[in-house]
Amino acid sequence: MPDRLQRGFPIFPLGLVALPHEYVPLHIFEERYKTMIGQCLEREREFGIVWSTDDGLRPIGCAVRITEILERMEDGRLNILTQGTRPFRVVEEQHDLPFPAATIEFVADKEDAVDAPTAQAAPAAYAHPVEQATDRTPEPDKLEAMTAYEMAATVEFGLDAKQGLLDLRSENARLRLLTRLFRAASKRLELIERAQSRARSNGKVRFG
């Protein structure tokens, strides 16, 4: 699939993980990244966000598109809003351009149908922390239509969890992982609510 392999793909190594559908605001201030973003805007092309760790770049990143220029400053700095589009694998880093780049391959999921129990469990597990955090009940029809990435894009997870989702090449596997993450988040929210309730009562049980 040669159309999925790209050389000279702009790369933005960051201490964060982006997911497809997720909105990511970025502040652009280094000259090399000003050049990179300028080219992406001019050519209307994506660039990649890759989690940069002490061990180097993670092999799987997420392409993003620039959806809005929030602010353009006189010295060339930019505040932009991006949105994740699709995962890719870093084949080889490149050092022959004025900004970080790589030869990358866009990666596809395995062709496995989502099983019914998994398809039901993940939205149910997602709805619970959303209701706890926002007092809003997601609409059932919209909830059932959401993919794993669409659900995950609205919740703040740790970097390891987000990278784990990005690394998986199966929607079934992503939904199962999300179900575990959402259930754990619900338990944490319940513990926080109980602790806050106790704090408000000074540890005393109130009757009437």
Protein backbone atom coordinates (compact mmCIF):
# COMPACT_ATOMS: atom_id res chain seq x y z
CA MET A 1 0.00 0.00 0.00
CA PRO A 2 2.43 2.67 -1.20
CA ASP A 3 -0.04 5.52 -0.66
CA ARG A 4 0.24 4.93 3.10
CA LEU A 5 4.04 5.29 3.09
CA GLN A 6 5.29 8.88 3.17
CA ARG A 7 8.81 10.27 3.25
CA GLY A 8 9.54 13.72 4.72
CA PHE A 9 6.45 13.65 6.93
CA PRO A 10 6.65 16.52 9.46
CA ILE A 11 7.01 15.27 13.02
CA PHE A 12 6.39 17.17 16.28
CA PRO A 13 7.98 15.23 19.18
CA LEU A 14 6.15 16.23 22.36
CA GLY A 15 5.56 15.11 25.91
CA LEU A 16 1.99 14.18 25.06
CA VAL A 17 -0.03 11.64 23.13
CA ALA A 18 -2.67 12.65 20.59
CA LEU A 19 -5.52 10.39 19.52
CA PRO A 20 -7.70 10.41 16.38
CA HIS A 21 -10.64 12.84 16.84
CA GLU A 22 -8.97 14.53 19.83
CA TYR A 23 -8.48 18.31 19.75
CA VAL A 24 -4.98 19.39 20.77
CA PRO A 25 -4.01 23.08 21.20
CA LEU A 26 -0.36 23.87 20.48
CA HIS A 27 1.89 26.88 21.03
CA ILE A 28 4.45 27.20 18.23
CA PHE A 29 7.52 29.24 19.11
CA GLU A 30 10.70 27.49 17.88
CA GLU A 31 11.88 28.57 14.42
CA ARG A 32 11.99 25.04 13.04
CA TYR A 33 8.40 24.44 14.07
CA LYS A 34 7.30 27.81 12.73
CA THR A 35 8.74 26.66 9.39
CA MET A 36 7.04 23.28 9.68
CA ILE A 37 3.62 24.69 10.53
CA GLY A 38 3.98 27.32 7.81
CA GLN A 39 4.53 24.59 5.22
CA CYS A 40 1.64 22.54 6.56
CA LEU A 41 -0.68 25.54 6.33
CA GLU A 42 0.51 26.42 2.83
CA ARG A 43 0.17 22.86 1.53
CA GLU A 44 -2.88 21.97 3.66
CA ARG A 45 -1.14 18.86 4.93
CA GLU A 46 -1.07 16.93 8.17
CA PHE A 47 1.84 16.60 10.56
CA GLY A 48 2.49 14.01 13.23
CA ILE A 49 2.56 14.24 17.00
CA VAL A 50 4.78 11.57 18.55
CA TRP A 51 5.32 11.01 22.26
CA SER A 52 8.95 11.78 23.05
CA THR A 53 10.25 9.91 26.11
CA ASP A 54 13.65 9.50 27.74
CA ASP A 55 14.10 6.43 25.51
CA GLY A 56 13.35 8.39 22.32
CA LEU A 57 10.30 8.58 20.09
CA ARG A 58 7.54 6.03 20.50
CA PRO A 59 7.09 4.06 17.27
CA ILE A 60 3.38 4.87 16.85
CA GLY A 61 2.19 8.47 16.57
CA CYS A 62 -0.96 10.28 15.48
CA ALA A 63 -1.32 12.55 12.46
CA VAL A 64 -3.15 15.81 13.11
CA ARG A 65 -4.62 18.51 10.92
CA ILE A 66 -4.67 22.21 11.75
CA THR A 67 -8.29 23.20 12.31
CA GLU A 68 -7.82 26.79 13.44
CA ILE A 69 -5.19 29.49 13.99
CA LEU A 70 -6.14 30.81 17.40
CA GLU A 71 -3.55 33.59 17.53
CA ARG A 72 -0.75 34.83 15.29
CA MET A 73 1.85 37.02 17.04
CA GLU A 74 4.12 39.66 15.53
CA ASP A 75 7.26 37.62 16.16
CA GLY A 76 5.85 34.66 14.23
CA ARG A 77 4.70 32.62 17.19
CA LEU A 78 1.39 30.84 16.76
CA ASN A 79 -1.33 29.35 18.87
CA ILE A 80 -3.11 26.71 16.83
CA LEU A 81 -5.80 24.11 17.34
CA THR A 82 -5.25 20.69 15.81
CA GLN A 83 -7.34 17.54 15.60
CA GLY A 84 -6.07 13.97 15.45
CA THR A 85 -6.81 12.10 12.23
CA ARG A 86 -5.09 8.69 11.94
CA PRO A 87 -2.28 6.66 13.53
CA PHE A 88 1.05 6.02 11.83
CA ARG A 89 4.26 4.11 12.42
CA VAL A 90 7.66 5.82 12.32
CA VAL A 91 9.72 3.82 9.82
CA GLU A 92 12.85 5.98 9.92
CA GLU A 93 13.67 9.39 11.35
CA GLN A 94 15.01 11.97 8.87
CA HIS A 95 17.48 14.76 9.49
CA ASP A 96 17.67 16.35 6.02
CA LEU A 97 14.89 18.93 6.44
CA PRO A 98 14.77 22.23 8.39
CA PHE A 99 12.36 20.61 10.87
CA PRO A 100 11.98 17.13 12.40
CA ALA A 101 10.61 14.63 9.90
CA ALA A 102 10.39 10.91 9.25
CA THR A 103 9.43 8.30 6.76
CA ILE A 104 6.15 7.02 8.12
CA GLU A 105 3.53 4.43 7.28
CA PHE A 106 -0.13 4.95 8.06
CA VAL A 107 -1.36 1.86 9.86
CA ALA A 108 -4.71 0.12 9.42
CA ASP A 109 -6.77 -1.97 11.81
CA LYS A 110 -7.21 -5.69 11.51
CA GLU A 111 -10.44 -6.65 9.76
CA ASP A 112 -12.26 -7.99 12.80
CA ALA A 113 -15.91 -7.24 13.51
CA VAL A 114 -16.72 -5.76 16.91
CA ASP A 115 -18.43 -8.38 19.07
CA ALA A 116 -21.76 -7.45 20.64
CA PRO A 117 -20.82 -7.70 24.35
CA THR A 118 -17.80 -5.45 23.81
CA ALA A 119 -19.83 -2.98 21.75
CA GLN A 120 -22.33 -2.69 24.62
CA ALA A 121 -19.92 -2.67 27.55
CA ALA A 122 -17.69 0.20 26.42
CA PRO A 123 -20.44 2.84 25.88
CA ALA A 124 -22.07 1.87 29.19
CA ALA A 125 -18.75 2.20 31.01
CA TYR A 126 -18.11 5.53 29.26
CA ALA A 127 -21.53 6.99 30.14
CA HIS A 128 -21.06 6.48 33.88
CA PRO A 129 -18.00 8.76 34.45
CA VAL A 130 -19.43 11.31 31.99
CA GLU A 131 -22.61 11.53 34.08
CA GLN A 132 -20.58 11.71 37.30
CA ALA A 133 -18.30 14.46 36.02
CA THR A 134 -20.80 16.59 34.08
CA ASP A 135 -24.30 15.73 35.37
CA ARG A 136 -25.16 15.11 31.73
CA THR A 137 -26.52 11.85 30.36
CA PRO A 138 -25.18 11.06 26.88
CA GLU A 139 -27.85 10.40 24.26
CA PRO A 140 -28.09 6.60 23.69
CA ASP A 141 -28.12 6.82 19.87
CA LYS A 142 -25.02 9.02 19.75
CA LEU A 143 -23.30 6.92 22.39
CA GLU A 144 -23.80 3.67 20.47
CA ALA A 145 -22.39 5.24 17.30
CA MET A 146 -19.15 6.43 18.94
CA THR A 147 -15.90 4.62 18.19
CA ALA A 148 -13.26 3.90 20.83
CA TYR A 149 -11.17 6.84 19.63
CA GLU A 150 -14.17 9.18 19.71
CA MET A 151 -14.92 8.25 23.32
CA ALA A 152 -11.29 8.40 24.42
CA ALA A 153 -10.82 11.82 22.78
CA THR A 154 -13.21 13.40 25.31
CA VAL A 155 -11.56 12.00 28.44
CA GLU A 156 -8.16 12.84 29.94
CA PHE A 157 -6.17 9.65 30.50
CA GLY A 158 -2.55 9.15 31.48
CA LEU A 159 0.02 9.07 28.69
CA ASP A 160 0.69 5.34 28.99
CA ALA A 161 -3.02 4.57 28.64
CA LYS A 162 -3.41 6.84 25.62
CA GLN A 163 -0.33 5.37 23.94
CA GLY A 164 -1.71 1.91 24.63
CA LEU A 165 -4.89 2.81 22.78
CA LEU A 166 -2.92 4.26 19.88
CA ASP A 167 -0.75 1.13 19.61
CA LEU A 168 -3.70 -1.27 19.27
CA ARG A 169 -4.72 -2.32 15.78
CA SER A 170 -8.10 -3.73 16.74
CA GLU A 171 -11.30 -1.84 17.58
CA ASN A 172 -12.34 -4.74 19.79
CA ALA A 173 -9.11 -4.47 21.77
CA ARG A 174 -9.44 -0.67 22.09
CA LEU A 175 -13.03 -0.96 23.33
CA ARG A 176 -12.02 -3.59 25.91
CA LEU A 177 -9.18 -1.42 27.17
CA LEU A 178 -11.47 1.61 27.33
CA THR A 179 -14.04 -0.36 29.31
CA ARG A 180 -11.41 -1.13 31.96
CA LEU A 181 -10.18 2.49 31.98
CA PHE A 182 -13.68 3.97 32.27
CA ARG A 183 -14.63 1.59 35.08
CA ALA A 184 -11.48 2.52 36.96
CA ALA A 185 -12.25 6.22 36.41
CA SER A 186 -15.77 5.73 37.78
CA LYS A 187 -14.39 4.15 40.94
CA ARG A 188 -11.96 7.04 41.42
CA LEU A 189 -14.77 9.58 41.00
CA GLU A 190 -16.92 7.71 43.51
CA LEU A 191 -14.06 7.74 46.04
CA ILE A 192 -13.55 11.48 45.49
CA GLU A 193 -17.27 12.16 45.96
CA ARG A 194 -17.34 10.15 49.18
CA ALA A 195 -14.24 11.93 50.50
CA GLN A 196 -15.74 15.35 49.69
CA SER A 197 -19.03 14.39 51.35
CA ARG A 198 -17.18 13.33 54.49
CA ALA A 199 -15.15 16.52 54.49
CA ARG A 200 -18.31 18.64 54.27
CA SER A 201 -19.80 16.81 57.25
CA ASN A 202 -16.58 17.02 59.30
CA GLY A 203 -16.63 13.25 59.52
CA LYS A 204 -19.98 13.20 61.33
CA VAL A 205 -23.04 11.35 60.16
CA ARG A 206 -26.00 13.66 59.74
CA PHE A 207 -29.64 12.64 60.43
CA GLY A 208 -32.63 14.65 59.28
